[in-house]
PDB file of N, CA and C in Angstrom:
ATOM      1  N   ARG A   1     111.166  94.886  88.149  1.00  0.00           N
ATOM      2  CA  ARG A   1     112.516  94.426  87.853  1.00  0.00           C
ATOM      3  C   ARG A   1     112.622  94.116  86.358  1.00  0.00           C
ATOM      4  N   ASN A   2     113.700  94.576  85.751  1.00  0.00           N
ATOM      5  CA  ASN A   2     113.879  94.422  84.314  1.00  0.00           C
ATOM      6  C   ASN A   2     114.954  93.376  84.038  1.00  0.00           C
ATOM      7  N   ASP A   3     114.541  92.159  83.654  1.00  0.00           N
ATOM      8  CA  ASP A   3     115.490  91.093  83.341  1.00  0.00           C
ATOM      9  C   ASP A   3     115.814  91.040  81.856  1.00  0.00           C
ATOM     10  N   PHE A   4     115.226  91.923  81.076  1.00  0.00           N
ATOM     11  CA  PHE A   4     115.471  91.985  79.650  1.00  0.00           C
ATOM     12  C   PHE A   4     116.774  92.743  79.448  1.00  0.00           C
ATOM     13  N   LYS A   5     117.798  92.062  78.958  1.00  0.00           N
ATOM     14  CA  LYS A   5     119.146  92.626  78.897  1.00  0.00           C
ATOM     15  C   LYS A   5     119.318  93.610  77.736  1.00  0.00           C
ATOM     16  N   LYS A   6     120.104  94.651  77.998  1.00  0.00           N
ATOM     17  CA  LYS A   6     120.401  95.603  76.930  1.00  0.00           C
ATOM     18  C   LYS A   6     121.418  94.993  75.981  1.00  0.00           C
ATOM     19  N   PRO A   7     121.412  95.379  74.709  1.00  0.00           N
ATOM     20  CA  PRO A   7     122.380  94.819  73.754  1.00  0.00           C
ATOM     21  C   PRO A   7     123.802  95.232  74.130  1.00  0.00           C
ATOM     22  N   GLN A   8     124.740  94.360  73.907  1.00  0.00           N
ATOM     23  CA  GLN A   8     126.145  94.623  74.223  1.00  0.00           C
ATOM     24  C   GLN A   8     126.912  94.969  72.947  1.00  0.00           C
ATOM     25  N   ILE A   9     127.779  95.961  73.036  1.00  0.00           N
ATOM     26  CA  ILE A   9     128.622  96.344  71.904  1.00  0.00           C
ATOM     27  C   ILE A   9     129.801  95.386  71.876  1.00  0.00           C
ATOM     28  N   MET A  10     129.994  94.704  70.758  1.00  0.00           N
ATOM     29  CA  MET A  10     130.979  93.625  70.677  1.00  0.00           C
ATOM     30  C   MET A  10     132.403  94.106  70.383  1.00  0.00           C
ATOM     31  N   GLU A  11     132.556  95.236  69.728  1.00  0.00           N
ATOM     32  CA  GLU A  11     133.890  95.748  69.414  1.00  0.00           C
ATOM     33  C   GLU A  11     134.189  96.971  70.278  1.00  0.00           C
ATOM     34  N   TYR A  12     135.486  97.182  70.520  1.00  0.00           N
ATOM     35  CA  TYR A  12     135.899  98.391  71.231  1.00  0.00           C
ATOM     36  C   TYR A  12     135.783  99.564  70.267  1.00  0.00           C
ATOM     37  N   ILE A  13     135.161 100.638  70.704  1.00  0.00           N
ATOM     38  CA  ILE A  13     135.008 101.821  69.861  1.00  0.00           C
ATOM     39  C   ILE A  13     136.051 102.845  70.304  1.00  0.00           C
ATOM     40  N   HIS A  14     136.969 103.169  69.403  1.00  0.00           N
ATOM     41  CA  HIS A  14     138.053 104.109  69.687  1.00  0.00           C
ATOM     42  C   HIS A  14     137.554 105.551  69.623  1.00  0.00           C
ATOM     43  N   ASP A  15     138.361 106.480  70.149  1.00  0.00           N
ATOM     44  CA  ASP A  15     138.025 107.903  70.083  1.00  0.00           C
ATOM     45  C   ASP A  15     137.929 108.385  68.638  1.00  0.00           C
ATOM     46  N   VAL A  16     138.771 107.804  67.777  1.00  0.00           N
ATOM     47  CA  VAL A  16     138.768 108.116  66.351  1.00  0.00           C
ATOM     48  C   VAL A  16     138.607 106.792  65.611  1.00  0.00           C
ATOM     49  N   SER A  17     137.664 106.742  64.670  1.00  0.00           N
ATOM     50  CA  SER A  17     137.382 105.503  63.936  1.00  0.00           C
ATOM     51  C   SER A  17     137.555 105.702  62.440  1.00  0.00           C
ATOM     52  N   GLU A  18     137.872 104.621  61.780  1.00  0.00           N
ATOM     53  CA  GLU A  18     137.957 104.640  60.324  1.00  0.00           C
ATOM     54  C   GLU A  18     136.562 104.769  59.736  1.00  0.00           C
ATOM     55  N   PHE A  19     136.482 105.369  58.566  1.00  0.00           N
ATOM     56  CA  PHE A  19     135.236 105.478  57.828  1.00  0.00           C
ATOM     57  C   PHE A  19     134.720 104.073  57.532  1.00  0.00           C
ATOM     58  N   ASP A  20     133.449 103.830  57.733  1.00  0.00           N
ATOM     59  CA  ASP A  20     132.780 102.561  57.434  1.00  0.00           C
ATOM     60  C   ASP A  20     133.161 101.414  58.380  1.00  0.00           C
ATOM     61  N   THR A  21     133.664 101.740  59.576  1.00  0.00           N
ATOM     62  CA  THR A  21     133.916 100.712  60.581  1.00  0.00           C
ATOM     63  C   THR A  21     132.599 100.010  60.901  1.00  0.00           C
ATOM     64  N   ILE A  22     132.639  98.688  61.068  1.00  0.00           N
ATOM     65  CA  ILE A  22     131.424  97.930  61.368  1.00  0.00           C
ATOM     66  C   ILE A  22     131.414  97.557  62.853  1.00  0.00           C
ATOM     67  N   ILE A  23     130.305  97.846  63.497  1.00  0.00           N
ATOM     68  CA  ILE A  23     130.096  97.527  64.908  1.00  0.00           C
ATOM     69  C   ILE A  23     128.964  96.507  64.992  1.00  0.00           C
ATOM     70  N   HIS A  24     129.151  95.508  65.845  1.00  0.00           N
ATOM     71  CA  HIS A  24     128.117  94.489  66.042  1.00  0.00           C
ATOM     72  C   HIS A  24     127.564  94.577  67.461  1.00  0.00           C
ATOM     73  N   LEU A  25     126.313  94.229  67.598  1.00  0.00           N
ATOM     74  CA  LEU A  25     125.663  94.176  68.897  1.00  0.00           C
ATOM     75  C   LEU A  25     125.298  92.732  69.206  1.00  0.00           C
ATOM     76  N   ASP A  26     125.486  92.333  70.462  1.00  0.00           N
ATOM     77  CA  ASP A  26     125.086  90.997  70.901  1.00  0.00           C
ATOM     78  C   ASP A  26     123.826  91.142  71.734  1.00  0.00           C
ATOM     79  N   ASP A  27     122.826  90.420  71.335  1.00  0.00           N
ATOM     80  CA  ASP A  27     121.563  90.462  72.051  1.00  0.00           C
ATOM     81  C   ASP A  27     121.273  89.067  72.568  1.00  0.00           C
ATOM     82  N   SER A  28     121.467  88.863  73.853  1.00  0.00           N
ATOM     83  CA  SER A  28     121.256  87.540  74.428  1.00  0.00           C
ATOM     84  C   SER A  28     119.809  87.347  74.889  1.00  0.00           C
ATOM     85  N   ASN A  29     118.928  88.232  74.465  1.00  0.00           N
ATOM     86  CA  ASN A  29     117.512  88.103  74.810  1.00  0.00           C
ATOM     87  C   ASN A  29     116.831  87.106  73.879  1.00  0.00           C
ATOM     88  N   HIS A  30     115.565  87.082  73.937  1.00  0.00           N
ATOM     89  CA  HIS A  30     114.725  86.233  73.097  1.00  0.00           C
ATOM     90  C   HIS A  30     115.065  86.445  71.620  1.00  0.00           C
ATOM     91  N   HIS A  31     115.065  85.379  70.815  1.00  0.00           N
ATOM     92  CA  HIS A  31     115.456  85.491  69.405  1.00  0.00           C
ATOM     93  C   HIS A  31     114.494  86.346  68.585  1.00  0.00           C
ATOM     94  N   ASN A  32     113.310  86.639  69.097  1.00  0.00           N
ATOM     95  CA  ASN A  32     112.362  87.511  68.388  1.00  0.00           C
ATOM     96  C   ASN A  32     112.489  88.967  68.807  1.00  0.00           C
ATOM     97  N   ALA A  33     113.457  89.278  69.657  1.00  0.00           N
ATOM     98  CA  ALA A  33     113.647  90.657  70.100  1.00  0.00           C
ATOM     99  C   ALA A  33     114.181  91.505  68.956  1.00  0.00           C
ATOM    100  N   ASN A  34     113.769  92.755  68.917  1.00  0.00           N
ATOM    101  CA  ASN A  34     114.265  93.712  67.939  1.00  0.00           C
ATOM    102  C   ASN A  34     115.199  94.686  68.641  1.00  0.00           C
ATOM    103  N   ILE A  35     116.220  95.141  67.924  1.00  0.00           N
ATOM    104  CA  ILE A  35     117.137  96.145  68.442  1.00  0.00           C
ATOM    105  C   ILE A  35     116.995  97.382  67.571  1.00  0.00           C
ATOM    106  N   TYR A  36     116.912  98.538  68.220  1.00  0.00           N
ATOM    107  CA  TYR A  36     116.877  99.813  67.523  1.00  0.00           C
ATOM    108  C   TYR A  36     118.056 100.643  68.006  1.00  0.00           C
ATOM    109  N   TYR A  37     118.617 101.469  67.113  1.00  0.00           N
ATOM    110  CA  TYR A  37     119.790 102.252  67.488  1.00  0.00           C
ATOM    111  C   TYR A  37     119.785 103.619  66.805  1.00  0.00           C
ATOM    112  N   THR A  38     120.578 104.525  67.381  1.00  0.00           N
ATOM    113  CA  THR A  38     120.875 105.810  66.763  1.00  0.00           C
ATOM    114  C   THR A  38     122.385 105.997  66.796  1.00  0.00           C
ATOM    115  N   LEU A  39     122.894 106.852  65.948  1.00  0.00           N
ATOM    116  CA  LEU A  39     124.319 107.176  65.937  1.00  0.00           C
ATOM    117  C   LEU A  39     124.586 108.627  66.334  1.00  0.00           C
ATOM    118  N   ASP A  40     123.532 109.388  66.588  1.00  0.00           N
ATOM    119  CA  ASP A  40     123.712 110.793  66.949  1.00  0.00           C
ATOM    120  C   ASP A  40     123.592 111.034  68.450  1.00  0.00           C
ATOM    121  N   GLY A  41     123.500 109.964  69.229  1.00  0.00           N
ATOM    122  CA  GLY A  41     123.409 110.091  70.677  1.00  0.00           C
ATOM    123  C   GLY A  41     122.005 110.292  71.202  1.00  0.00           C
ATOM    124  N   SER A  42     121.021 110.405  70.315  1.00  0.00           N
ATOM    125  CA  SER A  42     119.646 110.587  70.771  1.00  0.00           C
ATOM    126  C   SER A  42     119.064 109.240  71.216  1.00  0.00           C
ATOM    127  N   PRO A  43     118.050 109.260  72.065  1.00  0.00           N
ATOM    128  CA  PRO A  43     117.457 107.998  72.523  1.00  0.00           C
ATOM    129  C   PRO A  43     116.841 107.223  71.357  1.00  0.00           C
ATOM    130  N   PRO A  44     117.110 105.935  71.269  1.00  0.00           N
ATOM    131  CA  PRO A  44     116.560 105.128  70.175  1.00  0.00           C
ATOM    132  C   PRO A  44     115.136 104.652  70.432  1.00  0.00           C
ATOM    133  N   THR A  45     114.540 105.111  71.507  1.00  0.00           N
ATOM    134  CA  THR A  45     113.202 104.648  71.873  1.00  0.00           C
ATOM    135  C   THR A  45     112.097 105.383  71.131  1.00  0.00           C
ATOM    136  N   GLN A  46     112.386 106.542  70.589  1.00  0.00           N
ATOM    137  CA  GLN A  46     111.409 107.293  69.813  1.00  0.00           C
ATOM    138  C   GLN A  46     111.622 106.982  68.341  1.00  0.00           C
ATOM    139  N   HIS A  47     110.598 106.561  67.654  1.00  0.00           N
ATOM    140  CA  HIS A  47     110.761 106.115  66.265  1.00  0.00           C
ATOM    141  C   HIS A  47     110.713 107.281  65.291  1.00  0.00           C
ATOM    142  N   TYR A  48     111.819 108.009  65.245  1.00  0.00           N
ATOM    143  CA  TYR A  48     111.997 109.090  64.288  1.00  0.00           C
ATOM    144  C   TYR A  48     112.882 108.590  63.165  1.00  0.00           C
ATOM    145  N   ARG A  49     113.191 109.463  62.218  1.00  0.00           N
ATOM    146  CA  ARG A  49     113.968 108.996  61.067  1.00  0.00           C
ATOM    147  C   ARG A  49     115.423 108.687  61.396  1.00  0.00           C
ATOM    148  N   ASN A  50     115.952 109.157  62.524  1.00  0.00           N
ATOM    149  CA  ASN A  50     117.325 108.837  62.890  1.00  0.00           C
ATOM    150  C   ASN A  50     117.433 107.536  63.691  1.00  0.00           C
ATOM    151  N   VAL A  51     116.309 106.862  63.956  1.00  0.00           N
ATOM    152  CA  VAL A  51     116.291 105.572  64.652  1.00  0.00           C
ATOM    153  C   VAL A  51     116.241 104.467  63.606  1.00  0.00           C
ATOM    154  N   HIS A  52     117.182 103.520  63.726  1.00  0.00           N
ATOM    155  CA  HIS A  52     117.302 102.461  62.726  1.00  0.00           C
ATOM    156  C   HIS A  52     117.120 101.087  63.370  1.00  0.00           C
ATOM    157  N   PRO A  53     116.472 100.164  62.686  1.00  0.00           N
ATOM    158  CA  PRO A  53     116.425  98.784  63.182  1.00  0.00           C
ATOM    159  C   PRO A  53     117.788  98.126  62.941  1.00  0.00           C
ATOM    160  N   TYR A  54     118.265  97.385  63.923  1.00  0.00           N
ATOM    161  CA  TYR A  54     119.558  96.703  63.804  1.00  0.00           C
ATOM    162  C   TYR A  54     119.408  95.436  62.976  1.00  0.00           C
ATOM    163  N   ASN A  55     120.296  95.258  62.010  1.00  0.00           N
ATOM    164  CA  ASN A  55     120.329  94.051  61.190  1.00  0.00           C
ATOM    165  C   ASN A  55     121.498  93.196  61.664  1.00  0.00           C
ATOM    166  N   ARG A  56     121.202  92.041  62.255  1.00  0.00           N
ATOM    167  CA  ARG A  56     122.249  91.186  62.825  1.00  0.00           C
ATOM    168  C   ARG A  56     123.251  90.696  61.777  1.00  0.00           C
ATOM    169  N   ASN A  57     122.849  90.603  60.513  1.00  0.00           N
ATOM    170  CA  ASN A  57     123.747  90.135  59.459  1.00  0.00           C
ATOM    171  C   ASN A  57     124.706  91.219  58.984  1.00  0.00           C
ATOM    172  N   ASN A  58     124.289  92.471  59.045  1.00  0.00           N
ATOM    173  CA  ASN A  58     125.105  93.561  58.509  1.00  0.00           C
ATOM    174  C   ASN A  58     125.850  94.362  59.556  1.00  0.00           C
ATOM    175  N   GLY A  59     125.374  94.389  60.778  1.00  0.00           N
ATOM    176  CA  GLY A  59     125.997  95.222  61.797  1.00  0.00           C
ATOM    177  C   GLY A  59     125.662  96.685  61.566  1.00  0.00           C
ATOM    178  N   ILE A  60     126.431  97.553  62.209  1.00  0.00           N
ATOM    179  CA  ILE A  60     126.235  99.002  62.098  1.00  0.00           C
ATOM    180  C   ILE A  60     127.490  99.593  61.484  1.00  0.00           C
ATOM    181  N   ARG A  61     127.340 100.335  60.408  1.00  0.00           N
ATOM    182  CA  ARG A  61     128.476 100.984  59.741  1.00  0.00           C
ATOM    183  C   ARG A  61     128.587 102.425  60.225  1.00  0.00           C
ATOM    184  N   LEU A  62     129.812 102.784  60.652  1.00  0.00           N
ATOM    185  CA  LEU A  62     130.047 104.144  61.110  1.00  0.00           C
ATOM    186  C   LEU A  62     130.387 105.033  59.929  1.00  0.00           C
ATOM    187  N   HIS A  63     129.434 105.779  59.483  1.00  0.00           N
ATOM    188  CA  HIS A  63     129.588 106.815  58.473  1.00  0.00           C
ATOM    189  C   HIS A  63     128.352 107.690  58.572  1.00  0.00           C
ATOM    190  N   PRO A  64     128.318 108.880  58.175  1.00  0.00           N
ATOM    191  CA  PRO A  64     129.334 109.668  57.494  1.00  0.00           C
ATOM    192  C   PRO A  64     130.392 110.191  58.455  1.00  0.00           C
ATOM    193  N   THR A  65     131.287 110.994  57.918  1.00  0.00           N
ATOM    194  CA  THR A  65     132.339 111.629  58.708  1.00  0.00           C
ATOM    195  C   THR A  65     131.710 112.494  59.788  1.00  0.00           C
ATOM    196  N   GLY A  66     132.293 112.470  60.975  1.00  0.00           N
ATOM    197  CA  GLY A  66     131.803 113.315  62.066  1.00  0.00           C
ATOM    198  C   GLY A  66     131.741 112.563  63.376  1.00  0.00           C
ATOM    199  N   LEU A  67     131.173 113.203  64.369  1.00  0.00           N
ATOM    200  CA  LEU A  67     131.067 112.638  65.708  1.00  0.00           C
ATOM    201  C   LEU A  67     129.863 111.709  65.802  1.00  0.00           C
ATOM    202  N   HIS A  68     130.073 110.523  66.387  1.00  0.00           N
ATOM    203  CA  HIS A  68     129.002 109.549  66.548  1.00  0.00           C
ATOM    204  C   HIS A  68     128.984 109.034  67.988  1.00  0.00           C
ATOM    205  N   VAL A  69     127.773 108.842  68.498  1.00  0.00           N
ATOM    206  CA  VAL A  69     127.558 108.165  69.780  1.00  0.00           C
ATOM    207  C   VAL A  69     126.458 107.142  69.520  1.00  0.00           C
ATOM    208  N   LEU A  70     126.812 105.875  69.632  1.00  0.00           N
ATOM    209  CA  LEU A  70     125.867 104.788  69.408  1.00  0.00           C
ATOM    210  C   LEU A  70     125.020 104.588  70.659  1.00  0.00           C
ATOM    211  N   ARG A  71     123.706 104.556  70.478  1.00  0.00           N
ATOM    212  CA  ARG A  71     122.786 104.212  71.552  1.00  0.00           C
ATOM    213  C   ARG A  71     121.837 103.158  71.001  1.00  0.00           C
ATOM    214  N   ALA A  72     121.617 102.086  71.767  1.00  0.00           N
ATOM    215  CA  ALA A  72     120.788 100.977  71.290  1.00  0.00           C
ATOM    216  C   ALA A  72     119.998 100.381  72.443  1.00  0.00           C
ATOM    217  N   TYR A  73     118.858  99.794  72.090  1.00  0.00           N
ATOM    218  CA  TYR A  73     118.073  99.059  73.086  1.00  0.00           C
ATOM    219  C   TYR A  73     117.332  97.924  72.399  1.00  0.00           C
ATOM    220  N   SER A  74     116.923  96.940  73.195  1.00  0.00           N
ATOM    221  CA  SER A  74     116.173  95.781  72.706  1.00  0.00           C
ATOM    222  C   SER A  74     114.725  95.903  73.142  1.00  0.00           C
ATOM    223  N   THR A  75     113.846  95.387  72.301  1.00  0.00           N
ATOM    224  CA  THR A  75     112.431  95.364  72.658  1.00  0.00           C
ATOM    225  C   THR A  75     111.798  94.078  72.129  1.00  0.00           C
ATOM    226  N   LEU A  76     110.829  93.579  72.856  1.00  0.00           N
ATOM    227  CA  LEU A  76     110.106  92.377  72.459  1.00  0.00           C
ATOM    228  C   LEU A  76     108.634  92.745  72.325  1.00  0.00           C
ATOM    229  N   ASP A  77     108.133  92.667  71.103  1.00  0.00           N
ATOM    230  CA  ASP A  77     106.728  92.973  70.807  1.00  0.00           C
ATOM    231  C   ASP A  77     106.317  94.377  71.261  1.00  0.00           C
ATOM    232  N   GLU A  78     107.275  95.300  71.311  1.00  0.00           N
ATOM    233  CA  GLU A  78     107.017  96.682  71.723  1.00  0.00           C
ATOM    234  C   GLU A  78     106.410  96.782  73.129  1.00  0.00           C
ATOM    235  N   LYS A  79     106.513  95.703  73.910  1.00  0.00           N
ATOM    236  CA  LYS A  79     105.934  95.698  75.257  1.00  0.00           C
ATOM    237  C   LYS A  79     107.010  95.633  76.328  1.00  0.00           C
ATOM    238  N   LEU A  80     108.011  94.820  76.108  1.00  0.00           N
ATOM    239  CA  LEU A  80     109.089  94.649  77.069  1.00  0.00           C
ATOM    240  C   LEU A  80     110.348  95.219  76.445  1.00  0.00           C
ATOM    241  N   SER A  81     111.048  96.088  77.157  1.00  0.00           N
ATOM    242  CA  SER A  81     112.251  96.679  76.575  1.00  0.00           C
ATOM    243  C   SER A  81     113.381  96.733  77.596  1.00  0.00           C
ATOM    244  N   SER A  82     114.578  96.827  77.066  1.00  0.00           N
ATOM    245  CA  SER A  82     115.784  96.849  77.895  1.00  0.00           C
ATOM    246  C   SER A  82     116.158  98.279  78.249  1.00  0.00           C
ATOM    247  N   PHE A  83     117.169  98.408  79.093  1.00  0.00           N
ATOM    248  CA  PHE A  83     117.794  99.702  79.299  1.00  0.00           C
ATOM    249  C   PHE A  83     118.559 100.048  78.025  1.00  0.00           C
ATOM    250  N   ILE A  84     118.923 101.307  77.876  1.00  0.00           N
ATOM    251  CA  ILE A  84     119.652 101.756  76.682  1.00  0.00           C
ATOM    252  C   ILE A  84     121.153 101.558  76.883  1.00  0.00           C
ATOM    253  N   GLN A  85     121.782 100.941  75.900  1.00  0.00           N
ATOM    254  CA  GLN A  85     123.240 100.789  75.864  1.00  0.00           C
ATOM    255  C   GLN A  85     123.798 101.971  75.080  1.00  0.00           C
ATOM    256  N   TYR A  86     124.905 102.517  75.523  1.00  0.00           N
ATOM    257  CA  TYR A  86     125.507 103.611  74.770  1.00  0.00           C
ATOM    258  C   TYR A  86     127.015 103.423  74.683  1.00  0.00           C
ATOM    259  N   SER A  87     127.590 103.988  73.626  1.00  0.00           N
ATOM    260  CA  SER A  87     129.031 103.875  73.402  1.00  0.00           C
ATOM    261  C   SER A  87     129.721 105.167  73.802  1.00  0.00           C
ATOM    262  N   ARG A  88     131.018 105.103  73.851  1.00  0.00           N
ATOM    263  CA  ARG A  88     131.813 106.304  74.013  1.00  0.00           C
ATOM    264  C   ARG A  88     131.749 107.070  72.699  1.00  0.00           C
ATOM    265  N   PRO A  89     131.910 108.378  72.704  1.00  0.00           N
ATOM    266  CA  PRO A  89     131.905 109.135  71.446  1.00  0.00           C
ATOM    267  C   PRO A  89     133.090 108.725  70.571  1.00  0.00           C
ATOM    268  N   THR A  90     132.864 108.698  69.283  1.00  0.00           N
ATOM    269  CA  THR A  90     133.932 108.430  68.332  1.00  0.00           C
ATOM    270  C   THR A  90     133.811 109.403  67.180  1.00  0.00           C
ATOM    271  N   PHE A  91     134.952 109.867  66.699  1.00  0.00           N
ATOM    272  CA  PHE A  91     134.954 110.747  65.539  1.00  0.00           C
ATOM    273  C   PHE A  91     135.358 109.906  64.333  1.00  0.00           C
ATOM    274  N   VAL A  92     134.483 109.842  63.343  1.00  0.00           N
ATOM    275  CA  VAL A  92     134.742 109.069  62.132  1.00  0.00           C
ATOM    276  C   VAL A  92     135.409 109.991  61.120  1.00  0.00           C
ATOM    277  N   LEU A  93     136.625 109.601  60.716  1.00  0.00           N
ATOM    278  CA  LEU A  93     137.381 110.395  59.751  1.00  0.00           C
ATOM    279  C   LEU A  93     136.878 110.165  58.345  1.00  0.00           C
ATOM    280  N   ASP A  94     137.229 111.090  57.472  1.00  0.00           N
ATOM    281  CA  ASP A  94     136.863 110.992  56.065  1.00  0.00           C
ATOM    282  C   ASP A  94     137.466 109.726  55.473  1.00  0.00           C
ATOM    283  N   ASN A  95     136.819 109.171  54.495  1.00  0.00           N
ATOM    284  CA  ASN A  95     137.257 107.938  53.837  1.00  0.00           C
ATOM    285  C   ASN A  95     138.698 108.060  53.349  1.00  0.00           C
ATOM    286  N   GLY A  96     139.578 107.167  53.834  1.00  0.00           N
ATOM    287  CA  GLY A  96     140.955 107.111  53.374  1.00  0.00           C
ATOM    288  C   GLY A  96     141.924 108.024  54.085  1.00  0.00           C
ATOM    289  N   THR A  97     141.523 108.693  55.182  1.00  0.00           N
ATOM    290  CA  THR A  97     142.439 109.621  55.843  1.00  0.00           C
ATOM    291  C   THR A  97     142.968 109.097  57.169  1.00  0.00           C
ATOM    292  N   PHE A  98     142.769 107.848  57.469  1.00  0.00           N
ATOM    293  CA  PHE A  98     143.144 107.306  58.768  1.00  0.00           C
ATOM    294  C   PHE A  98     144.142 106.170  58.580  1.00  0.00           C
ATOM    295  N   ASP A  99     145.321 106.301  59.167  1.00  0.00           N
ATOM    296  CA  ASP A  99     146.330 105.249  59.055  1.00  0.00           C
ATOM    297  C   ASP A  99     146.281 104.307  60.254  1.00  0.00           C
ATOM    298  N   SER A 100     146.482 104.837  61.434  1.00  0.00           N
ATOM    299  CA  SER A 100     146.421 104.030  62.649  1.00  0.00           C
ATOM    300  C   SER A 100     146.292 104.973  63.837  1.00  0.00           C
ATOM    301  N   PRO A 101     145.829 104.469  64.993  1.00  0.00           N
ATOM    302  CA  PRO A 101     145.690 105.347  66.149  1.00  0.00           C
ATOM    303  C   PRO A 101     147.002 106.018  66.543  1.00  0.00           C
ATOM    304  N   GLY A 102     148.132 105.359  66.331  1.00  0.00           N
ATOM    305  CA  GLY A 102     149.427 105.930  66.678  1.00  0.00           C
ATOM    306  C   GLY A 102     149.854 107.043  65.751  1.00  0.00           C
ATOM    307  N   SER A 103     149.206 107.197  64.605  1.00  0.00           N
ATOM    308  CA  SER A 103     149.609 108.214  63.648  1.00  0.00           C
ATOM    309  C   SER A 103     148.996 109.575  63.938  1.00  0.00           C
ATOM    310  N   ILE A 104     148.145 109.679  64.936  1.00  0.00           N
ATOM    311  CA  ILE A 104     147.508 110.944  65.267  1.00  0.00           C
ATOM    312  C   ILE A 104     148.376 111.680  66.271  1.00  0.00           C
ATOM    313  N   GLU A 105     148.803 112.875  65.889  1.00  0.00           N
ATOM    314  CA  GLU A 105     149.647 113.688  66.751  1.00  0.00           C
ATOM    315  C   GLU A 105     148.784 114.453  67.751  1.00  0.00           C
ATOM    316  N   PRO A 106     149.182 114.473  69.028  1.00  0.00           N
ATOM    317  CA  PRO A 106     148.426 115.281  69.987  1.00  0.00           C
ATOM    318  C   PRO A 106     148.608 116.753  69.687  1.00  0.00           C
ATOM    319  N   ILE A 107     147.587 117.535  69.986  1.00  0.00           N
ATOM    320  CA  ILE A 107     147.638 118.976  69.768  1.00  0.00           C
ATOM    321  C   ILE A 107     147.948 119.651  71.077  1.00  0.00           C
ATOM    322  N   ASP A 108     148.989 120.510  71.061  1.00  0.00           N
ATOM    323  CA  ASP A 108     149.334 121.278  72.263  1.00  0.00           C
ATOM    324  C   ASP A 108     148.346 122.405  72.432  1.00  0.00           C
ATOM    325  N   PRO A 109     147.781 122.575  73.625  1.00  0.00           N
ATOM    326  CA  PRO A 109     146.860 123.675  73.837  1.00  0.00           C
ATOM    327  C   PRO A 109     147.600 125.008  73.700  1.00  0.00           C
ATOM    328  N   PRO A 110     146.944 126.046  73.179  1.00  0.00           N
ATOM    329  CA  PRO A 110     147.605 127.307  72.932  1.00  0.00           C
ATOM    330  C   PRO A 110     148.110 128.002  74.211  1.00  0.00           C
ATOM    331  N   TRP A 111     147.491 127.739  75.370  1.00  0.00           N
ATOM    332  CA  TRP A 111     147.910 128.406  76.583  1.00  0.00           C
ATOM    333  C   TRP A 111     149.253 127.888  77.102  1.00  0.00           C
ATOM    334  N   ASP A 112     149.751 126.749  76.578  1.00  0.00           N
ATOM    335  CA  ASP A 112     151.070 126.249  76.979  1.00  0.00           C
ATOM    336  C   ASP A 112     152.193 127.028  76.330  1.00  0.00           C
ATOM    337  N   SER A 113     151.925 127.801  75.292  1.00  0.00           N
ATOM    338  CA  SER A 113     152.981 128.523  74.578  1.00  0.00           C
ATOM    339  C   SER A 113     153.073 129.981  75.020  1.00  0.00           C
ATOM    340  N   CYS A 114     152.350 130.367  76.055  1.00  0.00           N
ATOM    341  CA  CYS A 114     152.374 131.762  76.533  1.00  0.00           C
ATOM    342  C   CYS A 114     153.563 132.009  77.420  1.00  0.00           C
TER     343      CYS A 114
END
């Protein structure tokens, strides 16, 4: 049985996000627990160069432009670990090109105009 809780995403992640949006994780586990995350949707359990340690003071910044899927997990002394938390996909727009979610026009599929 795994009582070690996975980190919780504190902000709602929209389908489209502003460049440099900051996301915070809440870890209600032991204060010595470490959180690791990825933004490309890959598992954060393998320590490759796309796996980053979470900094509670800075949060996670969504950049560069493109599609991101946040995945994170907590671990204590590399022995006890949580399940992986994951976010919905979000597309991060280029710096300065996003006004508000209501400003995005839906695209009509081409088969509706036949």
